[in-house]
Structures are given as structure tokens and as C-alpha cells.
Amino acid sequence: MDERALRSWLRELRAERITDRELIQRLKDLPFRDLGFAKVDNHRALRCGLAEVIYCEGKTPDRIVRIAREILRQGSNLLATRTNSDVFERIRAADPKARWHEDARCVTVERKAAPPLKGSLLIVTGGTSDIPVAEEARVTAETMGARVKTIHDVGVAGIHRLLGHRKALNAADVLIVVAGMEGALASVVGGLVRRPVIAVPTSVGYGASFGGLAALLAMLNSCAAGVTVVNIDNGFGAGRAAALALGLKT
């Protein structure tokens, strides 16, 4: 349940379209619903502006669907990350509005459109192997109402490709830079713009990249001011942070 839903319920109560008892019944599952194996945070959208997101890795399909049903029962939008097409089909059986975002490995259900955020988000990737993480960031940010553009495959191995997009880089209000290997792209972008840059190291690279650790350390040690870093492959965290930053614009 989010703030819009609560305001709607209060209007219904004032207009006497529902009774006190009916409103109390609707509120009974707040702040969370205990499913035995999980405690679904039905209060999160009201506190944080985004309903609980299902991180699907390590969860059985049955448990994912049960959590999804509870989130949808509250009238919230649904975002499930790190999932697969089989889980999507099971969620779609519960709600035909479910959408499968293959590159992002995400499932979404939009019950009501999020209020559009001011400003724009630009997501930049070093290579095409970084696209799945970038897509997770895009889907997350769009779920929160962000306007997102993407520029792919402009890594430092051919920096002229990035410099050909200077106008788009400077036009964005917030940027997410997704890169593996040595992770240098975030520093380069950070040195070109006067906007917040959220860097996402990916696990793309040969052995000495240590599953993204080399890119993570390079981004943490960036000499460009204004670059902040999320965890390896954490497209969701980057998309969420970028949307929150856009939400602060007046």
C-alpha cells in the first residue's frame, strides 16, 4: 500500500462509501504480512515510495509467486529481479498484466503508473556484455517514474564512441555508468559532466577482473569528483538511487 492508496481510502471513508470496519480490515495486514517463510513488508511503499521488490535468486518459484500475490493483493506495482521466464509465466497466471524484461531478468506488473519524475536519467555501458545489469537499472528506475535513455558500447577501448555523445551526457540530470573489465568508464564520464554519476561495476572480464572486484576498486578509487559506487552487478541499487535523486528535483 502506498500514500495514494491510503489517501483514496480516507476519501472513501469521509464520503461514507466504506465503513470504519471495512477500513480497519484493509489495514490489518500492515505493516507486514507473515507468510511463514517470509514477512512481506506491505508498509514499504508508504515509507519509501516503492513497494517491496522480490529478489528471486535463492527462492523457489512457489515462494516467489506467493510473495508476488501478496504484494499485488495490496494494490501495489510489482518488481521481481533476477528471475527467469518460467517464474514470469507463473506470475502472469496470477496477473495477466505481468511483463517479462528478458535482458534485465525482471518481471513487472503495473497496477498504476508511478508519478513521472522531473529530469532525465542516462544509462551508459562500457560494452554489450554490461547490458543485462544496465537493463535492470533501467527497469527499476522506470518503475519509479523516471524517464530513461541508454547509450551502449562506448567503453574506453574506443573512447571516440563516448565523445560522440557529449550532448546527451551533458543533457542528463543523473547518469548511471555500467562497466566491467578495469571499470575506467565511470571516471571518464565523471570528468566530463557536472551531474551525479552512479557507477556500477560488473562481473564482466577475464580472470584478473576477479568477478568484478577490479572494476569495483577502480570505481571506488575514481579521481573524478561526484562518482558514487554501488555493488558489483547491482543494477537495481543504481536504478533505485538514481530515481531517488531525480525525485529530489524541484
Protein backbone atom coordinates (compact mmCIF):
# COMPACT_ATOMS: atom_id res chain seq x y z
CA MET A 1 0.00 0.00 0.00
CA ASP A 2 1.31 3.45 -0.88
CA GLU A 3 0.36 7.02 0.04
CA ARG A 4 -2.02 7.38 -2.90
CA ALA A 5 -3.94 4.27 -1.84
CA LEU A 6 -4.18 5.46 1.75
CA ARG A 7 -5.47 8.88 0.68
CA SER A 8 -8.03 7.17 -1.55
CA TRP A 9 -9.25 5.02 1.34
CA LEU A 10 -9.57 8.07 3.59
CA ARG A 11 -11.62 9.85 0.91
CA GLU A 12 -13.88 6.81 0.68
CA LEU A 13 -14.32 6.86 4.44
CA ARG A 14 -15.16 10.59 4.51
CA ALA A 15 -17.65 10.09 1.69
CA GLU A 16 -19.14 7.15 3.63
CA ARG A 17 -18.51 4.78 0.73
CA ILE A 18 -16.79 2.42 3.18
CA THR A 19 -17.31 1.89 6.92
CA ASP A 20 -14.82 2.15 9.76
CA ARG A 21 -14.85 -1.63 9.97
CA GLU A 22 -14.03 -2.01 6.27
CA LEU A 23 -11.11 0.41 6.52
CA ILE A 24 -9.74 -1.40 9.56
CA GLN A 25 -9.99 -4.69 7.66
CA ARG A 26 -7.94 -3.21 4.80
CA LEU A 27 -5.28 -2.04 7.26
CA LYS A 28 -4.99 -5.33 9.12
CA ASP A 29 -2.09 -6.60 7.03
CA LEU A 30 0.03 -3.55 7.86
CA PRO A 31 2.89 -3.16 8.50
CA PHE A 32 3.65 -6.68 7.21
CA ARG A 33 2.00 -9.97 6.30
CA ASP A 34 3.56 -13.10 7.77
CA LEU A 35 3.55 -15.93 5.20
CA GLY A 36 5.52 -18.24 7.48
CA PHE A 37 8.63 -18.35 5.29
CA ALA A 38 8.56 -14.59 4.58
CA LYS A 39 7.24 -11.41 6.12
CA VAL A 40 6.04 -9.24 3.25
CA ASP A 41 6.56 -5.55 4.02
CA ASN A 42 3.22 -4.07 2.95
CA HIS A 43 4.16 -0.74 4.55
CA ARG A 44 7.26 -0.10 2.42
CA ALA A 45 5.63 1.88 -0.38
CA LEU A 46 4.12 4.21 2.21
CA ARG A 47 7.52 4.72 3.89
CA CYS A 48 9.87 4.65 0.92
CA GLY A 49 7.77 5.26 -2.19
CA LEU A 50 8.39 1.82 -3.70
CA ALA A 51 6.74 -1.45 -2.75
CA GLU A 52 8.90 -4.35 -1.60
CA VAL A 53 10.90 -5.77 -4.50
CA ILE A 54 11.32 -9.54 -4.83
CA TYR A 55 14.94 -10.62 -5.24
CA CYS A 56 14.31 -14.03 -6.76
CA GLU A 57 17.70 -15.75 -6.64
CA GLY A 58 17.67 -18.45 -3.99
CA LYS A 59 13.87 -18.53 -3.76
CA THR A 60 11.67 -21.35 -5.04
CA PRO A 61 9.11 -20.48 -7.74
CA ASP A 62 6.26 -21.29 -5.36
CA ARG A 63 7.55 -18.84 -2.75
CA ILE A 64 8.19 -16.13 -5.34
CA VAL A 65 4.61 -16.40 -6.59
CA ARG A 66 3.16 -16.37 -3.07
CA ILE A 67 5.09 -13.19 -2.25
CA ALA A 68 4.05 -11.67 -5.59
CA ARG A 69 0.39 -12.44 -4.92
CA GLU A 70 0.57 -10.71 -1.54
CA ILE A 71 2.19 -7.57 -3.00
CA LEU A 72 -0.40 -7.46 -5.78
CA ARG A 73 -3.24 -8.08 -3.33
CA GLN A 74 -2.31 -4.80 -1.67
CA GLY A 75 -2.77 -2.99 -4.99
CA SER A 76 0.94 -2.24 -5.37
CA ASN A 77 3.02 -2.45 -8.51
CA LEU A 78 5.33 -5.45 -8.66
CA LEU A 79 9.03 -5.67 -9.46
CA ALA A 80 10.77 -9.04 -9.28
CA THR A 81 14.50 -9.11 -10.10
CA ARG A 82 16.99 -11.86 -11.00
CA THR A 83 14.29 -14.19 -12.19
CA ASN A 84 13.54 -16.27 -15.29
CA SER A 85 10.86 -16.84 -17.91
CA ASP A 86 9.36 -19.81 -16.04
CA VAL A 87 8.68 -17.66 -12.98
CA PHE A 88 7.27 -14.98 -15.27
CA GLU A 89 4.72 -17.43 -16.68
CA ARG A 90 3.62 -18.34 -13.16
CA ILE A 91 3.27 -14.69 -12.15
CA ARG A 92 1.38 -13.95 -15.37
CA ALA A 93 -1.06 -16.72 -14.44
CA ALA A 94 -1.74 -14.74 -11.25
CA ASP A 95 -1.93 -11.39 -13.07
CA PRO A 96 -2.21 -11.07 -16.88
CA LYS A 97 -0.61 -7.61 -16.73
CA ALA A 98 2.77 -9.15 -15.90
CA ARG A 99 5.62 -8.20 -18.27
CA TRP A 100 8.85 -10.10 -18.86
CA HIS A 101 12.00 -8.00 -19.37
CA GLU A 102 14.36 -10.62 -20.74
CA ASP A 103 17.67 -8.71 -20.76
CA ALA A 104 17.02 -7.33 -17.28
CA ARG A 105 15.78 -10.69 -15.96
CA CYS A 106 12.92 -8.81 -14.31
CA VAL A 107 9.17 -9.22 -14.08
CA THR A 108 6.93 -6.19 -13.57
CA VAL A 109 3.24 -5.66 -13.01
CA GLU A 110 1.97 -2.09 -13.27
CA ARG A 111 -1.29 -1.57 -11.42
CA LYS A 112 -1.00 2.22 -11.58
CA ALA A 113 1.58 4.38 -13.29
CA ALA A 114 4.14 5.97 -10.99
CA PRO A 115 4.04 9.79 -10.94
CA PRO A 116 6.61 10.99 -13.50
CA LEU A 117 9.86 12.28 -12.02
CA LYS A 118 11.37 15.55 -13.16
CA GLY A 119 14.58 15.45 -15.11
CA SER A 120 16.10 12.55 -17.03
CA LEU A 121 18.36 9.58 -16.40
CA LEU A 122 21.01 8.40 -18.84
CA ILE A 123 22.47 4.90 -18.55
CA VAL A 124 25.82 4.30 -20.25
CA THR A 125 27.53 0.93 -20.70
CA GLY A 126 31.11 0.04 -21.48
CA GLY A 127 30.22 -2.97 -23.62
CA THR A 128 27.27 -5.05 -24.73
CA SER A 129 28.07 -7.64 -22.05
CA ASP A 130 27.12 -4.99 -19.48
CA ILE A 131 23.61 -4.55 -20.91
CA PRO A 132 21.80 -7.00 -18.56
CA VAL A 133 22.90 -5.03 -15.50
CA ALA A 134 22.07 -1.74 -17.24
CA GLU A 135 18.62 -3.06 -18.14
CA GLU A 136 17.96 -4.00 -14.52
CA ALA A 137 18.77 -0.39 -13.62
CA ARG A 138 16.51 0.92 -16.38
CA VAL A 139 13.52 -1.22 -15.44
CA THR A 140 13.93 -0.28 -11.77
CA ALA A 141 14.12 3.46 -12.47
CA GLU A 142 11.20 3.39 -14.89
CA THR A 143 9.12 1.53 -12.31
CA MET A 144 9.66 4.57 -10.07
CA GLY A 145 8.60 7.04 -12.78
CA ALA A 146 11.96 8.02 -14.29
CA ARG A 147 12.50 8.94 -17.94
CA VAL A 148 15.44 6.84 -19.08
CA LYS A 149 17.69 6.88 -22.14
CA THR A 150 20.54 4.47 -22.82
CA ILE A 151 23.85 4.57 -24.66
CA HIS A 152 25.54 1.18 -25.07
CA ASP A 153 29.01 0.01 -26.00
CA VAL A 154 31.02 3.20 -25.53
CA GLY A 155 33.86 1.87 -23.39
CA VAL A 156 37.33 3.35 -23.13
CA ALA A 157 38.82 0.92 -25.65
CA GLY A 158 37.29 3.23 -28.27
CA ILE A 159 36.74 6.46 -26.39
CA HIS A 160 35.74 8.34 -29.56
CA ARG A 161 32.43 6.44 -29.34
CA LEU A 162 31.71 8.04 -25.96
CA LEU A 163 32.83 11.51 -27.04
CA GLY A 164 30.38 11.33 -29.91
CA HIS A 165 27.60 11.50 -27.29
CA ARG A 166 28.78 14.59 -25.38
CA LYS A 167 25.46 16.40 -25.93
CA ALA A 168 23.44 13.52 -24.42
CA LEU A 169 25.86 13.20 -21.49
CA ASN A 170 25.53 16.87 -20.64
CA ALA A 171 21.76 16.89 -21.06
CA ALA A 172 21.11 14.20 -18.44
CA ASP A 173 20.29 15.11 -14.83
CA VAL A 174 21.65 11.86 -13.39
CA LEU A 175 23.88 9.27 -15.04
CA ILE A 176 24.46 5.59 -14.37
CA VAL A 177 27.68 4.15 -15.78
CA VAL A 178 27.86 0.36 -16.05
CA ALA A 179 31.21 -1.23 -16.86
CA GLY A 180 33.32 -4.31 -16.19
CA MET A 181 36.92 -5.13 -17.11
CA GLU A 182 39.01 -2.36 -15.48
CA GLY A 183 35.98 -0.12 -14.79
CA ALA A 184 37.59 3.05 -16.17
CA LEU A 185 34.47 4.37 -17.91
CA ALA A 186 32.94 5.82 -14.74
CA SER A 187 35.97 8.05 -14.14
CA VAL A 188 35.94 9.27 -17.73
CA VAL A 189 32.24 10.15 -17.63
CA GLY A 190 32.64 11.74 -14.20
CA GLY A 191 35.32 14.01 -15.66
CA LEU A 192 33.03 15.17 -18.46
CA VAL A 193 29.80 16.13 -16.68
CA ARG A 194 28.58 18.18 -13.73
CA ARG A 195 25.88 15.75 -12.72
CA PRO A 196 25.76 12.88 -10.22
CA VAL A 197 27.33 9.74 -11.65
CA ILE A 198 26.36 6.38 -10.17
CA ALA A 199 28.91 3.74 -11.11
CA VAL A 200 28.02 0.05 -11.38
CA PRO A 201 30.92 -2.41 -11.64
CA THR A 202 30.01 -5.61 -13.43
CA SER A 203 31.47 -9.09 -13.22
CA VAL A 204 32.39 -8.94 -16.92
CA GLY A 205 36.04 -9.67 -17.65
CA TYR A 206 38.80 -12.26 -17.70
CA GLY A 207 40.37 -13.89 -14.65
CA ALA A 208 42.24 -10.91 -13.21
CA SER A 209 38.99 -8.94 -13.05
CA PHE A 210 38.16 -11.24 -10.12
CA GLY A 211 34.44 -11.31 -10.87
CA GLY A 212 34.10 -7.53 -10.90
CA LEU A 213 36.34 -6.76 -7.94
CA ALA A 214 38.89 -4.98 -10.14
CA ALA A 215 36.17 -2.72 -11.59
CA LEU A 216 34.71 -2.10 -8.13
CA LEU A 217 38.06 -1.00 -6.69
CA ALA A 218 38.80 1.17 -9.74
CA MET A 219 35.45 2.93 -9.40
CA LEU A 220 35.89 3.41 -5.65
CA ASN A 221 39.29 4.96 -6.36
CA SER A 222 37.97 7.24 -9.11
CA CYS A 223 39.80 10.55 -9.35
CA ALA A 224 36.69 12.18 -10.85
CA ALA A 225 34.61 14.04 -8.27
CA GLY A 226 30.92 13.21 -7.93
CA VAL A 227 31.16 9.48 -8.70
CA THR A 228 29.41 7.17 -6.25
CA VAL A 229 29.52 3.39 -6.49
CA VAL A 230 27.10 0.54 -5.87
CA ASN A 231 27.94 -3.14 -5.52
CA ILE A 232 29.03 -5.48 -8.30
CA ASP A 233 26.22 -6.14 -10.81
CA ASN A 234 23.76 -4.17 -8.65
CA GLY A 235 21.67 -2.59 -11.39
CA PHE A 236 18.67 -2.49 -9.09
CA GLY A 237 20.52 -0.44 -6.48
CA ALA A 238 21.75 2.02 -9.09
CA GLY A 239 18.31 2.46 -10.64
CA ARG A 240 16.73 2.99 -7.25
CA ALA A 241 19.35 5.57 -6.20
CA ALA A 242 19.07 7.44 -9.50
CA ALA A 243 15.28 7.64 -9.26
CA LEU A 244 15.51 8.90 -5.68
CA ALA A 245 17.93 11.61 -6.83
CA LEU A 246 15.54 12.65 -9.61
CA GLY A 247 12.72 12.72 -7.08
CA LEU A 248 14.54 15.49 -5.20
CA LYS A 249 14.36 17.87 -8.18
CA THR A 250 12.03 20.83 -7.77
